[in-house]
Amino acid sequence: MFRRIGMPFSKLLLTPHSIQPIMDLPTQAHLKTIRELLTYRLGDLRADVHAAELERQADAAESGQGVADRKDEAAKRQRVALSGQQEERDRQELGQVEAALRRLDAGNYGDCSSCGEPVPLDRLMVQPAAERCAACQCKFEAHALHPA
């Protein structure tokens, strides 16, 4: 299971009863760093989503008060639309981060969900919630933009 993030099969410890991977210290450190990055980002995203919800509630409460001119209304509609798009992106990323933490807990973090090959550590350090290797992610995005 740890081979997928850089642990070759030659590092397996064979015992009469089982096969156990020996996780070297650099791998342990990388996984700890990745978990910390994901946990930190999870907290940020939860705070951002909560703030957006509070802002949406305040906008709703304020909408019935006072007389506004057309410019004010247009600016408010634009701000609300932009805020809604940002909240949606934050919610999507929140789901991706939670999924990455579940993969870490399950022991299959670092496997490309499309081809099954290991996702390079450099990619995971930059994009800890990455579900696919760069090549498969490009194919996934191209297909999403231009479905066959």
N, C-alpha and C. Protein backbone atom coordinates (compact mmCIF):
# COMPACT_ATOMS: atom_id res chain seq x y z
N MET A 1 0.82 -1.19 0.00
CA MET A 1 0.00 0.00 0.00
C MET A 1 0.85 1.25 0.00
N PHE A 2 2.02 1.26 0.64
CA PHE A 2 2.84 2.45 0.68
C PHE A 2 3.74 2.57 -0.54
N ARG A 3 3.85 1.52 -1.35
CA ARG A 3 4.63 1.56 -2.56
C ARG A 3 4.11 2.65 -3.48
N ARG A 4 2.84 2.91 -3.41
CA ARG A 4 2.22 3.85 -4.34
C ARG A 4 2.69 5.28 -4.14
N ILE A 5 3.25 5.60 -3.04
CA ILE A 5 3.78 6.96 -2.87
C ILE A 5 5.30 6.92 -2.78
N GLY A 6 5.88 5.93 -3.44
CA GLY A 6 7.31 5.89 -3.55
C GLY A 6 7.96 4.71 -2.86
N MET A 7 7.19 3.82 -2.25
CA MET A 7 7.74 2.68 -1.54
C MET A 7 7.83 1.49 -2.50
N PRO A 8 9.04 1.08 -2.91
CA PRO A 8 9.16 -0.06 -3.81
C PRO A 8 8.89 -1.37 -3.07
N PHE A 9 8.55 -2.40 -3.84
CA PHE A 9 8.27 -3.70 -3.24
C PHE A 9 9.48 -4.26 -2.49
N SER A 10 10.67 -3.85 -2.87
CA SER A 10 11.87 -4.36 -2.21
C SER A 10 11.95 -3.95 -0.74
N LYS A 11 11.14 -3.01 -0.31
CA LYS A 11 11.14 -2.57 1.09
C LYS A 11 10.13 -3.36 1.93
N LEU A 12 9.52 -4.39 1.36
CA LEU A 12 8.55 -5.17 2.13
C LEU A 12 9.27 -6.12 3.07
N LEU A 13 8.74 -6.25 4.27
CA LEU A 13 9.27 -7.17 5.26
C LEU A 13 8.43 -8.44 5.19
N LEU A 14 9.06 -9.56 4.85
CA LEU A 14 8.34 -10.82 4.74
C LEU A 14 8.43 -11.56 6.08
N THR A 15 7.28 -11.92 6.59
CA THR A 15 7.23 -12.71 7.82
C THR A 15 6.44 -13.96 7.48
N PRO A 16 6.49 -14.99 8.30
CA PRO A 16 5.75 -16.21 8.01
C PRO A 16 4.24 -15.99 7.92
N HIS A 17 3.73 -14.97 8.61
CA HIS A 17 2.29 -14.81 8.70
C HIS A 17 1.74 -13.68 7.84
N SER A 18 2.59 -12.78 7.40
CA SER A 18 2.05 -11.65 6.65
C SER A 18 3.13 -10.94 5.87
N ILE A 19 2.69 -10.04 5.04
CA ILE A 19 3.59 -9.13 4.35
C ILE A 19 3.27 -7.75 4.89
N GLN A 20 4.28 -7.08 5.44
CA GLN A 20 4.07 -5.77 6.01
C GLN A 20 5.01 -4.77 5.35
N PRO A 21 4.49 -3.62 4.94
CA PRO A 21 5.38 -2.62 4.38
C PRO A 21 6.16 -1.92 5.49
N ILE A 22 7.42 -1.67 5.20
CA ILE A 22 8.24 -0.89 6.12
C ILE A 22 8.22 0.53 5.58
N MET A 23 7.59 1.44 6.28
CA MET A 23 7.51 2.81 5.82
C MET A 23 8.75 3.54 6.30
N ASP A 24 9.53 4.05 5.35
CA ASP A 24 10.74 4.76 5.73
C ASP A 24 10.38 6.14 6.29
N LEU A 25 11.34 6.75 6.98
CA LEU A 25 11.10 8.04 7.64
C LEU A 25 10.71 9.15 6.67
N PRO A 26 11.35 9.26 5.49
CA PRO A 26 10.90 10.32 4.57
C PRO A 26 9.44 10.16 4.16
N THR A 27 8.99 8.93 3.92
CA THR A 27 7.60 8.71 3.55
C THR A 27 6.67 9.10 4.69
N GLN A 28 7.02 8.73 5.90
CA GLN A 28 6.22 9.10 7.06
C GLN A 28 6.14 10.62 7.19
N ALA A 29 7.27 11.29 6.99
CA ALA A 29 7.30 12.75 7.09
C ALA A 29 6.44 13.38 6.00
N HIS A 30 6.49 12.84 4.78
CA HIS A 30 5.68 13.38 3.69
C HIS A 30 4.20 13.21 3.98
N LEU A 31 3.83 12.04 4.46
CA LEU A 31 2.41 11.81 4.78
C LEU A 31 1.94 12.73 5.91
N LYS A 32 2.80 12.92 6.88
CA LYS A 32 2.44 13.82 7.99
C LYS A 32 2.28 15.25 7.47
N THR A 33 3.20 15.69 6.62
CA THR A 33 3.11 17.03 6.05
C THR A 33 1.85 17.19 5.21
N ILE A 34 1.56 16.19 4.40
CA ILE A 34 0.36 16.25 3.56
C ILE A 34 -0.90 16.30 4.41
N ARG A 35 -0.94 15.47 5.45
CA ARG A 35 -2.11 15.49 6.34
C ARG A 35 -2.26 16.87 6.99
N GLU A 36 -1.16 17.46 7.41
CA GLU A 36 -1.21 18.80 8.01
C GLU A 36 -1.70 19.84 7.01
N LEU A 37 -1.21 19.76 5.77
CA LEU A 37 -1.67 20.69 4.73
C LEU A 37 -3.17 20.55 4.48
N LEU A 38 -3.62 19.31 4.39
CA LEU A 38 -5.04 19.06 4.15
C LEU A 38 -5.90 19.52 5.33
N THR A 39 -5.45 19.25 6.53
CA THR A 39 -6.21 19.64 7.72
C THR A 39 -6.29 21.16 7.84
N TYR A 40 -5.19 21.84 7.56
CA TYR A 40 -5.18 23.30 7.60
C TYR A 40 -6.13 23.88 6.55
N ARG A 41 -6.06 23.32 5.34
CA ARG A 41 -6.94 23.81 4.26
C ARG A 41 -8.40 23.51 4.59
N LEU A 42 -8.67 22.39 5.21
CA LEU A 42 -10.03 22.05 5.61
C LEU A 42 -10.59 23.10 6.55
N GLY A 43 -9.80 23.52 7.53
CA GLY A 43 -10.23 24.56 8.47
C GLY A 43 -10.50 25.88 7.77
N ASP A 44 -9.60 26.25 6.85
CA ASP A 44 -9.78 27.49 6.08
C ASP A 44 -11.08 27.46 5.28
N LEU A 45 -11.30 26.35 4.60
CA LEU A 45 -12.49 26.25 3.75
C LEU A 45 -13.78 26.25 4.57
N ARG A 46 -13.76 25.56 5.69
CA ARG A 46 -14.95 25.57 6.55
C ARG A 46 -15.25 26.99 7.04
N ALA A 47 -14.22 27.72 7.40
CA ALA A 47 -14.40 29.10 7.85
C ALA A 47 -14.93 29.97 6.72
N ASP A 48 -14.39 29.79 5.50
CA ASP A 48 -14.84 30.57 4.35
C ASP A 48 -16.30 30.28 4.01
N VAL A 49 -16.68 29.02 4.05
CA VAL A 49 -18.07 28.64 3.74
C VAL A 49 -19.01 29.21 4.80
N HIS A 50 -18.60 29.13 6.05
CA HIS A 50 -19.43 29.67 7.13
C HIS A 50 -19.60 31.18 6.98
N ALA A 51 -18.50 31.88 6.66
CA ALA A 51 -18.57 33.33 6.47
C ALA A 51 -19.49 33.67 5.30
N ALA A 52 -19.44 32.89 4.23
CA ALA A 52 -20.30 33.14 3.08
C ALA A 52 -21.77 32.93 3.45
N GLU A 53 -22.04 31.92 4.26
CA GLU A 53 -23.42 31.69 4.71
C GLU A 53 -23.91 32.87 5.54
N LEU A 54 -23.07 33.36 6.44
CA LEU A 54 -23.45 34.51 7.26
C LEU A 54 -23.68 35.75 6.40
N GLU A 55 -22.83 35.95 5.42
CA GLU A 55 -22.97 37.09 4.52
C GLU A 55 -24.27 37.00 3.71
N ARG A 56 -24.58 35.80 3.26
CA ARG A 56 -25.83 35.59 2.50
C ARG A 56 -27.04 35.88 3.38
N GLN A 57 -26.99 35.46 4.64
CA GLN A 57 -28.10 35.74 5.56
C GLN A 57 -28.22 37.24 5.83
N ALA A 58 -27.10 37.92 5.99
CA ALA A 58 -27.13 39.36 6.22
C ALA A 58 -27.68 40.09 5.00
N ASP A 59 -27.29 39.65 3.80
CA ASP A 59 -27.81 40.26 2.57
C ASP A 59 -29.32 40.06 2.46
N ALA A 60 -29.78 38.89 2.84
CA ALA A 60 -31.22 38.61 2.77
C ALA A 60 -31.99 39.49 3.75
N ALA A 61 -31.44 39.66 4.95
CA ALA A 61 -32.10 40.49 5.96
C ALA A 61 -32.09 41.96 5.55
N GLU A 62 -31.04 42.38 4.88
CA GLU A 62 -30.89 43.78 4.49
C GLU A 62 -31.69 44.12 3.23
N SER A 63 -32.04 43.12 2.43
CA SER A 63 -32.70 43.39 1.15
C SER A 63 -34.06 44.04 1.30
N GLY A 64 -34.73 43.82 2.38
CA GLY A 64 -36.05 44.41 2.56
C GLY A 64 -36.02 45.79 3.18
N GLN A 65 -34.84 46.29 3.49
CA GLN A 65 -34.73 47.58 4.18
C GLN A 65 -34.28 48.68 3.23
N GLY A 66 -34.88 49.83 3.34
CA GLY A 66 -34.43 51.02 2.62
C GLY A 66 -34.76 51.01 1.15
N VAL A 67 -34.57 52.15 0.56
CA VAL A 67 -34.79 52.33 -0.87
C VAL A 67 -33.42 52.48 -1.52
N ALA A 68 -33.18 51.68 -2.53
CA ALA A 68 -31.90 51.74 -3.21
C ALA A 68 -32.11 52.13 -4.67
N ASP A 69 -31.14 52.77 -5.25
CA ASP A 69 -31.28 53.11 -6.66
C ASP A 69 -30.84 51.91 -7.52
N ARG A 70 -30.98 52.03 -8.81
CA ARG A 70 -30.70 50.93 -9.72
C ARG A 70 -29.24 50.53 -9.72
N LYS A 71 -28.34 51.49 -9.57
CA LYS A 71 -26.91 51.17 -9.52
C LYS A 71 -26.60 50.34 -8.28
N ASP A 72 -27.17 50.72 -7.14
CA ASP A 72 -26.94 49.96 -5.91
C ASP A 72 -27.46 48.53 -6.05
N GLU A 73 -28.64 48.39 -6.62
CA GLU A 73 -29.23 47.06 -6.82
C GLU A 73 -28.37 46.22 -7.75
N ALA A 74 -27.90 46.83 -8.85
CA ALA A 74 -27.06 46.09 -9.80
C ALA A 74 -25.76 45.66 -9.14
N ALA A 75 -25.15 46.55 -8.38
CA ALA A 75 -23.90 46.22 -7.70
C ALA A 75 -24.13 45.10 -6.68
N LYS A 76 -25.24 45.15 -5.99
CA LYS A 76 -25.55 44.12 -4.99
C LYS A 76 -25.77 42.77 -5.67
N ARG A 77 -26.52 42.76 -6.77
CA ARG A 77 -26.76 41.50 -7.50
C ARG A 77 -25.44 40.90 -7.99
N GLN A 78 -24.57 41.76 -8.48
CA GLN A 78 -23.27 41.29 -8.96
C GLN A 78 -22.44 40.72 -7.82
N ARG A 79 -22.43 41.41 -6.68
CA ARG A 79 -21.68 40.94 -5.51
C ARG A 79 -22.23 39.60 -5.01
N VAL A 80 -23.55 39.47 -4.98
CA VAL A 80 -24.18 38.24 -4.52
C VAL A 80 -23.85 37.08 -5.47
N ALA A 81 -23.89 37.34 -6.77
CA ALA A 81 -23.58 36.30 -7.74
C ALA A 81 -22.13 35.84 -7.62
N LEU A 82 -21.23 36.80 -7.49
CA LEU A 82 -19.81 36.48 -7.36
C LEU A 82 -19.56 35.71 -6.06
N SER A 83 -20.17 36.14 -4.99
CA SER A 83 -20.02 35.48 -3.70
C SER A 83 -20.56 34.05 -3.77
N GLY A 84 -21.67 33.87 -4.47
CA GLY A 84 -22.24 32.53 -4.62
C GLY A 84 -21.33 31.60 -5.39
N GLN A 85 -20.68 32.12 -6.43
CA GLN A 85 -19.74 31.31 -7.21
C GLN A 85 -18.53 30.92 -6.36
N GLN A 86 -18.03 31.87 -5.58
CA GLN A 86 -16.89 31.58 -4.71
C GLN A 86 -17.27 30.54 -3.66
N GLU A 87 -18.45 30.68 -3.10
CA GLU A 87 -18.90 29.70 -2.10
C GLU A 87 -19.01 28.31 -2.72
N GLU A 88 -19.50 28.22 -3.94
CA GLU A 88 -19.63 26.93 -4.62
C GLU A 88 -18.25 26.31 -4.85
N ARG A 89 -17.27 27.11 -5.28
CA ARG A 89 -15.90 26.61 -5.46
C ARG A 89 -15.33 26.13 -4.13
N ASP A 90 -15.58 26.89 -3.07
CA ASP A 90 -15.09 26.49 -1.75
C ASP A 90 -15.72 25.17 -1.31
N ARG A 91 -17.00 25.00 -1.56
CA ARG A 91 -17.69 23.75 -1.18
C ARG A 91 -17.14 22.57 -1.98
N GLN A 92 -16.86 22.78 -3.26
CA GLN A 92 -16.28 21.71 -4.08
C GLN A 92 -14.90 21.32 -3.56
N GLU A 93 -14.08 22.32 -3.27
CA GLU A 93 -12.74 22.04 -2.75
C GLU A 93 -12.82 21.38 -1.38
N LEU A 94 -13.78 21.80 -0.57
CA LEU A 94 -13.98 21.19 0.75
C LEU A 94 -14.24 19.69 0.58
N GLY A 95 -15.08 19.33 -0.36
CA GLY A 95 -15.35 17.92 -0.63
C GLY A 95 -14.11 17.17 -1.09
N GLN A 96 -13.29 17.82 -1.92
CA GLN A 96 -12.06 17.19 -2.39
C GLN A 96 -11.06 16.97 -1.25
N VAL A 97 -10.96 17.95 -0.37
CA VAL A 97 -10.04 17.83 0.77
C VAL A 97 -10.52 16.73 1.71
N GLU A 98 -11.81 16.69 1.98
CA GLU A 98 -12.35 15.63 2.85
C GLU A 98 -12.11 14.25 2.23
N ALA A 99 -12.28 14.14 0.91
CA ALA A 99 -12.05 12.86 0.22
C ALA A 99 -10.57 12.47 0.32
N ALA A 100 -9.67 13.44 0.19
CA ALA A 100 -8.24 13.14 0.30
C ALA A 100 -7.89 12.64 1.70
N LEU A 101 -8.47 13.26 2.72
CA LEU A 101 -8.23 12.80 4.09
C LEU A 101 -8.78 11.38 4.30
N ARG A 102 -9.92 11.07 3.69
CA ARG A 102 -10.45 9.70 3.78
C ARG A 102 -9.51 8.72 3.09
N ARG A 103 -8.95 9.11 1.93
CA ARG A 103 -8.00 8.23 1.24
C ARG A 103 -6.75 8.01 2.09
N LEU A 104 -6.30 9.07 2.76
CA LEU A 104 -5.15 8.94 3.66
C LEU A 104 -5.46 7.94 4.77
N ASP A 105 -6.64 8.07 5.36
CA ASP A 105 -7.04 7.17 6.45
C ASP A 105 -7.18 5.73 5.97
N ALA A 106 -7.65 5.56 4.73
CA ALA A 106 -7.87 4.22 4.17
C ALA A 106 -6.57 3.58 3.68
N GLY A 107 -5.52 4.40 3.54
CA GLY A 107 -4.25 3.86 3.09
C GLY A 107 -4.07 3.81 1.58
N ASN A 108 -4.98 4.42 0.83
CA ASN A 108 -4.82 4.42 -0.62
C ASN A 108 -4.60 5.82 -1.19
N TYR A 109 -4.13 6.72 -0.37
CA TYR A 109 -3.80 8.06 -0.80
C TYR A 109 -2.59 8.00 -1.72
N GLY A 110 -2.62 8.77 -2.78
CA GLY A 110 -1.49 8.83 -3.70
C GLY A 110 -1.66 7.96 -4.92
N ASP A 111 -2.76 7.21 -5.01
CA ASP A 111 -3.06 6.41 -6.19
C ASP A 111 -3.93 7.24 -7.13
N CYS A 112 -3.58 7.27 -8.40
CA CYS A 112 -4.41 7.95 -9.39
C CYS A 112 -5.73 7.19 -9.51
N SER A 113 -6.84 7.90 -9.39
CA SER A 113 -8.15 7.25 -9.45
C SER A 113 -8.49 6.80 -10.87
N SER A 114 -7.75 7.27 -11.86
CA SER A 114 -8.04 6.88 -13.24
C SER A 114 -7.16 5.73 -13.71
N CYS A 115 -5.84 5.85 -13.55
CA CYS A 115 -4.94 4.82 -14.08
C CYS A 115 -4.38 3.89 -13.01
N GLY A 116 -4.52 4.27 -11.74
CA GLY A 116 -4.03 3.44 -10.64
C GLY A 116 -2.55 3.58 -10.35
N GLU A 117 -1.84 4.34 -11.16
CA GLU A 117 -0.41 4.55 -10.93
C GLU A 117 -0.20 5.56 -9.81
N PRO A 118 0.99 5.56 -9.22
CA PRO A 118 1.27 6.53 -8.16
C PRO A 118 1.25 7.96 -8.69
N VAL A 119 0.65 8.86 -7.92
CA VAL A 119 0.68 10.28 -8.23
C VAL A 119 2.02 10.79 -7.72
N PRO A 120 2.80 11.49 -8.54
CA PRO A 120 4.12 11.96 -8.08
C PRO A 120 4.01 12.81 -6.81
N LEU A 121 4.97 12.61 -5.93
CA LEU A 121 4.99 13.31 -4.65
C LEU A 121 5.01 14.82 -4.85
N ASP A 122 5.75 15.30 -5.85
CA ASP A 122 5.80 16.74 -6.12
C ASP A 122 4.40 17.29 -6.36
N ARG A 123 3.58 16.56 -7.11
CA ARG A 123 2.20 16.99 -7.37
C ARG A 123 1.39 17.00 -6.09
N LEU A 124 1.56 15.97 -5.27
CA LEU A 124 0.79 15.89 -4.03
C LEU A 124 1.19 16.98 -3.04
N MET A 125 2.44 17.37 -3.05
CA MET A 125 2.87 18.43 -2.14
C MET A 125 2.29 19.78 -2.56
N VAL A 126 2.11 19.98 -3.86
CA VAL A 126 1.55 21.25 -4.36
C VAL A 126 0.03 21.22 -4.31
N GLN A 127 -0.56 20.07 -4.64
CA GLN A 127 -2.01 19.90 -4.68
C GLN A 127 -2.36 18.67 -3.85
N PRO A 128 -2.37 18.81 -2.52
CA PRO A 128 -2.55 17.63 -1.66
C PRO A 128 -3.87 16.88 -1.87
N ALA A 129 -4.88 17.54 -2.37
CA ALA A 129 -6.16 16.87 -2.59
C ALA A 129 -6.25 16.23 -3.97
N ALA A 130 -5.15 16.23 -4.74
CA ALA A 130 -5.17 15.68 -6.10
C ALA A 130 -5.62 14.23 -6.07
N GLU A 131 -6.55 13.94 -6.96
CA GLU A 131 -7.11 12.58 -7.05
C GLU A 131 -6.48 11.82 -8.21
N ARG A 132 -5.89 12.55 -9.16
CA ARG A 132 -5.34 11.95 -10.37
C ARG A 132 -3.92 12.45 -10.62
N CYS A 133 -3.16 11.68 -11.38
CA CYS A 133 -1.87 12.16 -11.86
C CYS A 133 -2.14 13.27 -12.87
N ALA A 134 -1.12 14.03 -13.21
CA ALA A 134 -1.30 15.19 -14.10
C ALA A 134 -1.83 14.77 -15.47
N ALA A 135 -1.31 13.68 -16.02
CA ALA A 135 -1.76 13.24 -17.34
C ALA A 135 -3.24 12.87 -17.33
N CYS A 136 -3.66 12.12 -16.34
CA CYS A 136 -5.08 11.72 -16.26
C CYS A 136 -5.97 12.91 -15.94
N GLN A 137 -5.47 13.87 -15.15
CA GLN A 137 -6.26 15.06 -14.84
C GLN A 137 -6.49 15.88 -16.11
N CYS A 138 -5.47 15.99 -16.96
CA CYS A 138 -5.64 16.70 -18.24
C CYS A 138 -6.71 16.02 -19.10
N LYS A 139 -6.65 14.70 -19.18
CA LYS A 139 -7.66 13.96 -19.95
C LYS A 139 -9.05 14.15 -19.35
N PHE A 140 -9.14 14.10 -18.02
CA PHE A 140 -10.42 14.27 -17.33
C PHE A 140 -11.01 15.65 -17.63
N GLU A 141 -10.18 16.69 -17.53
CA GLU A 141 -10.66 18.05 -17.79
C GLU A 141 -11.03 18.24 -19.25
N ALA A 142 -10.25 17.66 -20.17
CA ALA A 142 -10.57 17.78 -21.60
C ALA A 142 -11.90 17.11 -21.90
N HIS A 143 -12.13 15.95 -21.28
CA HIS A 143 -13.39 15.25 -21.50
C HIS A 143 -14.56 16.01 -20.89
N ALA A 144 -14.33 16.64 -19.75
CA ALA A 144 -15.39 17.43 -19.11
C ALA A 144 -15.78 18.63 -19.96
N LEU A 145 -14.79 19.23 -20.65
CA LEU A 145 -15.05 20.39 -21.51
C LEU A 145 -15.66 20.00 -22.85
N HIS A 146 -15.24 18.83 -23.36
CA HIS A 146 -15.68 18.39 -24.68
C HIS A 146 -16.10 16.92 -24.61
N PRO A 147 -17.26 16.63 -24.01
CA PRO A 147 -17.68 15.23 -23.90
C PRO A 147 -17.89 14.62 -25.29
N ALA A 148 -17.54 13.35 -25.39
CA ALA A 148 -17.65 12.66 -26.68
C ALA A 148 -19.06 12.30 -27.02
